[in-house]
Amino acid sequence: MNGLSSEMQRCIETCLTCYQTCLGMASQHCLEVGGRHVEPEHFRLMLSCAEACRASAQLMLIGSAVHRHQCGACAEICAACARSCEDVGDMEACVAACRACEESCRQMAW
């Protein structure tokens, strides 16, 4: 990842970790546990968060100037996902990944 600042490299890694965590928890945890974990609003938010994180990482990797806009949106989605996962409970890994990504993306957005 030559040419990328260390801050951007960390954000890409944080985004990809959050992508993997949210998608993995949605498909491997939430679907198995059921109940509140698969309520449409929560489940769609988890999938939206995973996709926003993936898109942010991709835009940074390709050097797109619009990554700042995507990172700003990603930070908002990650914050909402962290709140939802915290409310549902038993999703500490997702909460931590989302909060870390939110913080990193907020820094990249400005």
N, C-alpha and C. Protein backbone atom coordinates (compact mmCIF):
# COMPACT_ATOMS: atom_id res chain seq x y z
N MET A 1 0.84 -1.18 0.00
CA MET A 1 0.00 0.00 0.00
C MET A 1 0.88 1.25 0.00
N ASN A 2 1.82 1.25 -0.91
CA ASN A 2 2.71 2.40 -1.05
C ASN A 2 1.91 3.63 -1.41
N GLY A 3 2.37 4.77 -0.91
CA GLY A 3 1.71 6.02 -1.23
C GLY A 3 0.56 6.38 -0.31
N LEU A 4 0.13 5.47 0.52
CA LEU A 4 -0.95 5.76 1.46
C LEU A 4 -0.35 6.19 2.79
N SER A 5 -0.95 7.19 3.40
CA SER A 5 -0.48 7.62 4.72
C SER A 5 -0.72 6.51 5.73
N SER A 6 0.02 6.55 6.82
CA SER A 6 -0.18 5.54 7.86
C SER A 6 -1.58 5.64 8.45
N GLU A 7 -2.13 6.85 8.52
CA GLU A 7 -3.50 7.04 9.03
C GLU A 7 -4.50 6.36 8.10
N MET A 8 -4.29 6.51 6.79
CA MET A 8 -5.20 5.89 5.82
C MET A 8 -5.05 4.37 5.85
N GLN A 9 -3.85 3.88 5.97
CA GLN A 9 -3.64 2.44 6.06
C GLN A 9 -4.35 1.86 7.27
N ARG A 10 -4.26 2.55 8.41
CA ARG A 10 -4.96 2.09 9.62
C ARG A 10 -6.47 2.11 9.41
N CYS A 11 -6.97 3.14 8.74
CA CYS A 11 -8.41 3.23 8.50
C CYS A 11 -8.88 2.10 7.59
N ILE A 12 -8.10 1.81 6.56
CA ILE A 12 -8.45 0.70 5.67
C ILE A 12 -8.52 -0.59 6.46
N GLU A 13 -7.54 -0.85 7.29
CA GLU A 13 -7.52 -2.07 8.10
C GLU A 13 -8.69 -2.11 9.07
N THR A 14 -9.00 -0.98 9.67
CA THR A 14 -10.12 -0.90 10.61
C THR A 14 -11.44 -1.14 9.88
N CYS A 15 -11.58 -0.56 8.70
CA CYS A 15 -12.80 -0.76 7.90
C CYS A 15 -12.96 -2.23 7.51
N LEU A 16 -11.87 -2.85 7.08
CA LEU A 16 -11.96 -4.25 6.67
C LEU A 16 -12.24 -5.17 7.85
N THR A 17 -11.71 -4.84 9.02
CA THR A 17 -12.02 -5.62 10.22
C THR A 17 -13.50 -5.48 10.57
N CYS A 18 -14.02 -4.26 10.48
CA CYS A 18 -15.43 -4.04 10.80
C CYS A 18 -16.31 -4.74 9.77
N TYR A 19 -15.94 -4.67 8.51
CA TYR A 19 -16.66 -5.38 7.45
C TYR A 19 -16.75 -6.87 7.78
N GLN A 20 -15.62 -7.45 8.08
CA GLN A 20 -15.56 -8.89 8.38
C GLN A 20 -16.36 -9.21 9.64
N THR A 21 -16.25 -8.38 10.65
CA THR A 21 -16.94 -8.63 11.91
C THR A 21 -18.45 -8.54 11.74
N CYS A 22 -18.92 -7.47 11.12
CA CYS A 22 -20.38 -7.28 10.96
C CYS A 22 -20.99 -8.36 10.07
N LEU A 23 -20.36 -8.63 8.95
CA LEU A 23 -20.90 -9.64 8.05
C LEU A 23 -20.85 -11.02 8.70
N GLY A 24 -19.75 -11.32 9.36
CA GLY A 24 -19.61 -12.60 10.04
C GLY A 24 -20.59 -12.77 11.19
N MET A 25 -20.75 -11.72 11.99
CA MET A 25 -21.69 -11.82 13.13
C MET A 25 -23.13 -11.93 12.63
N ALA A 26 -23.45 -11.20 11.57
CA ALA A 26 -24.81 -11.28 11.03
C ALA A 26 -25.11 -12.69 10.54
N SER A 27 -24.19 -13.27 9.80
CA SER A 27 -24.45 -14.58 9.20
C SER A 27 -24.16 -15.75 10.12
N GLN A 28 -23.20 -15.61 11.02
CA GLN A 28 -22.82 -16.73 11.87
C GLN A 28 -23.36 -16.65 13.30
N HIS A 29 -23.73 -15.46 13.73
CA HIS A 29 -24.24 -15.31 15.10
C HIS A 29 -25.73 -14.98 15.10
N CYS A 30 -26.08 -13.88 14.46
CA CYS A 30 -27.46 -13.42 14.51
C CYS A 30 -28.45 -14.43 13.92
N LEU A 31 -28.11 -14.99 12.78
CA LEU A 31 -29.01 -15.97 12.17
C LEU A 31 -29.16 -17.22 13.04
N GLU A 32 -28.12 -17.57 13.75
CA GLU A 32 -28.17 -18.74 14.62
C GLU A 32 -28.95 -18.48 15.91
N VAL A 33 -28.77 -17.28 16.48
CA VAL A 33 -29.42 -16.95 17.76
C VAL A 33 -30.89 -16.62 17.55
N GLY A 34 -31.17 -15.89 16.47
CA GLY A 34 -32.55 -15.53 16.18
C GLY A 34 -33.08 -14.44 17.09
N GLY A 35 -34.37 -14.36 17.22
CA GLY A 35 -35.01 -13.37 18.09
C GLY A 35 -34.68 -11.96 17.66
N ARG A 36 -34.31 -11.13 18.63
CA ARG A 36 -33.99 -9.72 18.36
C ARG A 36 -32.81 -9.58 17.40
N HIS A 37 -31.96 -10.58 17.36
CA HIS A 37 -30.78 -10.52 16.49
C HIS A 37 -31.14 -10.50 14.99
N VAL A 38 -32.31 -11.00 14.66
CA VAL A 38 -32.71 -11.02 13.25
C VAL A 38 -33.90 -10.11 12.95
N GLU A 39 -34.20 -9.21 13.86
CA GLU A 39 -35.23 -8.24 13.54
C GLU A 39 -34.76 -7.44 12.33
N PRO A 40 -35.64 -7.19 11.38
CA PRO A 40 -35.24 -6.57 10.11
C PRO A 40 -34.40 -5.30 10.24
N GLU A 41 -34.80 -4.38 11.09
CA GLU A 41 -34.04 -3.12 11.21
C GLU A 41 -32.60 -3.37 11.66
N HIS A 42 -32.44 -4.21 12.68
CA HIS A 42 -31.09 -4.52 13.19
C HIS A 42 -30.28 -5.27 12.15
N PHE A 43 -30.85 -6.28 11.55
CA PHE A 43 -30.12 -7.11 10.61
C PHE A 43 -29.71 -6.31 9.37
N ARG A 44 -30.62 -5.49 8.86
CA ARG A 44 -30.29 -4.65 7.70
C ARG A 44 -29.20 -3.64 8.03
N LEU A 45 -29.23 -3.12 9.25
CA LEU A 45 -28.21 -2.18 9.68
C LEU A 45 -26.83 -2.85 9.72
N MET A 46 -26.79 -4.07 10.19
CA MET A 46 -25.51 -4.80 10.21
C MET A 46 -24.98 -5.01 8.79
N LEU A 47 -25.85 -5.39 7.88
CA LEU A 47 -25.43 -5.59 6.49
C LEU A 47 -25.03 -4.26 5.85
N SER A 48 -25.75 -3.20 6.17
CA SER A 48 -25.41 -1.87 5.66
C SER A 48 -24.06 -1.42 6.18
N CYS A 49 -23.80 -1.69 7.44
CA CYS A 49 -22.53 -1.31 8.04
C CYS A 49 -21.38 -2.06 7.36
N ALA A 50 -21.56 -3.34 7.17
CA ALA A 50 -20.52 -4.14 6.50
C ALA A 50 -20.23 -3.56 5.11
N GLU A 51 -21.26 -3.25 4.36
CA GLU A 51 -21.07 -2.73 3.01
C GLU A 51 -20.45 -1.34 3.01
N ALA A 52 -20.86 -0.49 3.93
CA ALA A 52 -20.27 0.86 4.02
C ALA A 52 -18.78 0.77 4.34
N CYS A 53 -18.42 -0.14 5.22
CA CYS A 53 -17.01 -0.33 5.58
C CYS A 53 -16.21 -0.85 4.39
N ARG A 54 -16.76 -1.80 3.66
CA ARG A 54 -16.08 -2.34 2.49
C ARG A 54 -15.88 -1.26 1.44
N ALA A 55 -16.92 -0.47 1.21
CA ALA A 55 -16.83 0.60 0.22
C ALA A 55 -15.82 1.66 0.63
N SER A 56 -15.78 2.00 1.89
CA SER A 56 -14.79 2.98 2.37
C SER A 56 -13.38 2.49 2.12
N ALA A 57 -13.13 1.24 2.49
CA ALA A 57 -11.79 0.67 2.28
C ALA A 57 -11.44 0.68 0.80
N GLN A 58 -12.38 0.30 -0.05
CA GLN A 58 -12.10 0.24 -1.48
C GLN A 58 -11.78 1.62 -2.04
N LEU A 59 -12.55 2.63 -1.66
CA LEU A 59 -12.30 3.98 -2.17
C LEU A 59 -10.94 4.51 -1.73
N MET A 60 -10.54 4.19 -0.51
CA MET A 60 -9.22 4.60 -0.06
C MET A 60 -8.13 3.85 -0.81
N LEU A 61 -8.34 2.56 -1.02
CA LEU A 61 -7.34 1.75 -1.71
C LEU A 61 -7.11 2.20 -3.15
N ILE A 62 -8.15 2.64 -3.82
CA ILE A 62 -7.99 3.06 -5.21
C ILE A 62 -7.60 4.53 -5.33
N GLY A 63 -7.53 5.22 -4.20
CA GLY A 63 -7.10 6.61 -4.21
C GLY A 63 -8.15 7.60 -4.66
N SER A 64 -9.41 7.25 -4.48
CA SER A 64 -10.49 8.13 -4.88
C SER A 64 -10.62 9.31 -3.91
N ALA A 65 -10.74 10.51 -4.47
CA ALA A 65 -10.90 11.71 -3.65
C ALA A 65 -12.22 11.71 -2.88
N VAL A 66 -13.20 10.95 -3.35
CA VAL A 66 -14.50 10.95 -2.67
C VAL A 66 -14.51 10.04 -1.45
N HIS A 67 -13.37 9.44 -1.13
CA HIS A 67 -13.34 8.58 0.06
C HIS A 67 -13.75 9.35 1.31
N ARG A 68 -13.48 10.63 1.37
CA ARG A 68 -13.83 11.43 2.56
C ARG A 68 -15.35 11.45 2.78
N HIS A 69 -16.10 11.54 1.70
CA HIS A 69 -17.57 11.53 1.82
C HIS A 69 -18.05 10.15 2.29
N GLN A 70 -17.49 9.11 1.70
CA GLN A 70 -17.87 7.75 2.08
C GLN A 70 -17.48 7.47 3.52
N CYS A 71 -16.31 7.93 3.93
CA CYS A 71 -15.88 7.70 5.31
C CYS A 71 -16.78 8.42 6.30
N GLY A 72 -17.25 9.61 5.94
CA GLY A 72 -18.19 10.33 6.81
C GLY A 72 -19.49 9.56 6.98
N ALA A 73 -20.02 9.05 5.87
CA ALA A 73 -21.24 8.24 5.94
C ALA A 73 -20.99 6.95 6.71
N CYS A 74 -19.85 6.35 6.47
CA CYS A 74 -19.51 5.09 7.16
C CYS A 74 -19.46 5.30 8.67
N ALA A 75 -18.89 6.41 9.10
CA ALA A 75 -18.81 6.70 10.53
C ALA A 75 -20.20 6.76 11.16
N GLU A 76 -21.14 7.39 10.45
CA GLU A 76 -22.52 7.49 10.96
C GLU A 76 -23.18 6.12 11.02
N ILE A 77 -22.98 5.33 9.99
CA ILE A 77 -23.57 3.99 9.96
C ILE A 77 -22.96 3.10 11.04
N CYS A 78 -21.65 3.19 11.21
CA CYS A 78 -20.98 2.41 12.26
C CYS A 78 -21.50 2.78 13.65
N ALA A 79 -21.71 4.07 13.88
CA ALA A 79 -22.23 4.52 15.18
C ALA A 79 -23.62 3.93 15.43
N ALA A 80 -24.47 3.95 14.40
CA ALA A 80 -25.81 3.40 14.53
C ALA A 80 -25.76 1.89 14.75
N CYS A 81 -24.87 1.22 14.05
CA CYS A 81 -24.75 -0.23 14.18
C CYS A 81 -24.25 -0.60 15.58
N ALA A 82 -23.29 0.16 16.09
CA ALA A 82 -22.77 -0.11 17.44
C ALA A 82 -23.90 0.02 18.47
N ARG A 83 -24.71 1.07 18.33
CA ARG A 83 -25.83 1.27 19.26
C ARG A 83 -26.82 0.12 19.18
N SER A 84 -27.13 -0.30 17.96
CA SER A 84 -28.09 -1.38 17.76
C SER A 84 -27.56 -2.69 18.34
N CYS A 85 -26.30 -2.99 18.06
CA CYS A 85 -25.71 -4.23 18.57
C CYS A 85 -25.62 -4.22 20.09
N GLU A 86 -25.33 -3.06 20.65
CA GLU A 86 -25.28 -2.94 22.10
C GLU A 86 -26.67 -3.16 22.70
N ASP A 87 -27.69 -2.61 22.05
CA ASP A 87 -29.06 -2.75 22.53
C ASP A 87 -29.53 -4.20 22.44
N VAL A 88 -29.19 -4.89 21.37
CA VAL A 88 -29.58 -6.29 21.20
C VAL A 88 -28.86 -7.17 22.22
N GLY A 89 -27.60 -6.87 22.46
CA GLY A 89 -26.81 -7.60 23.46
C GLY A 89 -26.08 -8.80 22.89
N ASP A 90 -25.08 -9.25 23.62
CA ASP A 90 -24.28 -10.42 23.26
C ASP A 90 -23.57 -10.23 21.93
N MET A 91 -23.16 -8.97 21.65
CA MET A 91 -22.50 -8.67 20.39
C MET A 91 -21.32 -7.73 20.61
N GLU A 92 -20.55 -8.00 21.65
CA GLU A 92 -19.46 -7.11 22.04
C GLU A 92 -18.42 -6.92 20.94
N ALA A 93 -18.12 -7.98 20.20
CA ALA A 93 -17.11 -7.87 19.13
C ALA A 93 -17.57 -6.90 18.06
N CYS A 94 -18.83 -6.94 17.73
CA CYS A 94 -19.37 -6.04 16.71
C CYS A 94 -19.38 -4.60 17.22
N VAL A 95 -19.78 -4.41 18.46
CA VAL A 95 -19.79 -3.06 19.05
C VAL A 95 -18.39 -2.47 19.01
N ALA A 96 -17.40 -3.25 19.42
CA ALA A 96 -16.01 -2.76 19.45
C ALA A 96 -15.51 -2.44 18.05
N ALA A 97 -15.78 -3.31 17.08
CA ALA A 97 -15.32 -3.08 15.71
C ALA A 97 -15.98 -1.85 15.11
N CYS A 98 -17.26 -1.68 15.36
CA CYS A 98 -17.99 -0.53 14.83
C CYS A 98 -17.49 0.78 15.44
N ARG A 99 -17.25 0.78 16.72
CA ARG A 99 -16.77 2.00 17.37
C ARG A 99 -15.37 2.37 16.89
N ALA A 100 -14.53 1.38 16.72
CA ALA A 100 -13.17 1.64 16.22
C ALA A 100 -13.24 2.19 14.80
N CYS A 101 -14.08 1.63 13.97
CA CYS A 101 -14.22 2.07 12.60
C CYS A 101 -14.83 3.47 12.54
N GLU A 102 -15.81 3.71 13.38
CA GLU A 102 -16.43 5.04 13.43
C GLU A 102 -15.37 6.09 13.72
N GLU A 103 -14.55 5.86 14.71
CA GLU A 103 -13.52 6.82 15.10
C GLU A 103 -12.51 7.03 13.96
N SER A 104 -12.05 5.96 13.37
CA SER A 104 -11.07 6.04 12.29
C SER A 104 -11.67 6.76 11.07
N CYS A 105 -12.88 6.42 10.72
CA CYS A 105 -13.50 7.04 9.55
C CYS A 105 -13.80 8.52 9.78
N ARG A 106 -14.15 8.89 10.99
CA ARG A 106 -14.38 10.32 11.29
C ARG A 106 -13.11 11.11 11.05
N GLN A 107 -11.97 10.54 11.41
CA GLN A 107 -10.70 11.22 11.18
C GLN A 107 -10.40 11.34 9.69
N MET A 108 -10.74 10.34 8.91
CA MET A 108 -10.48 10.37 7.47
C MET A 108 -11.46 11.30 6.75
N ALA A 109 -12.62 11.52 7.34
CA ALA A 109 -13.64 12.34 6.68
C ALA A 109 -13.28 13.83 6.71
N TRP A 110 -12.40 14.23 7.58
CA TRP A 110 -12.08 15.66 7.68
C TRP A 110 -10.68 15.88 7.33
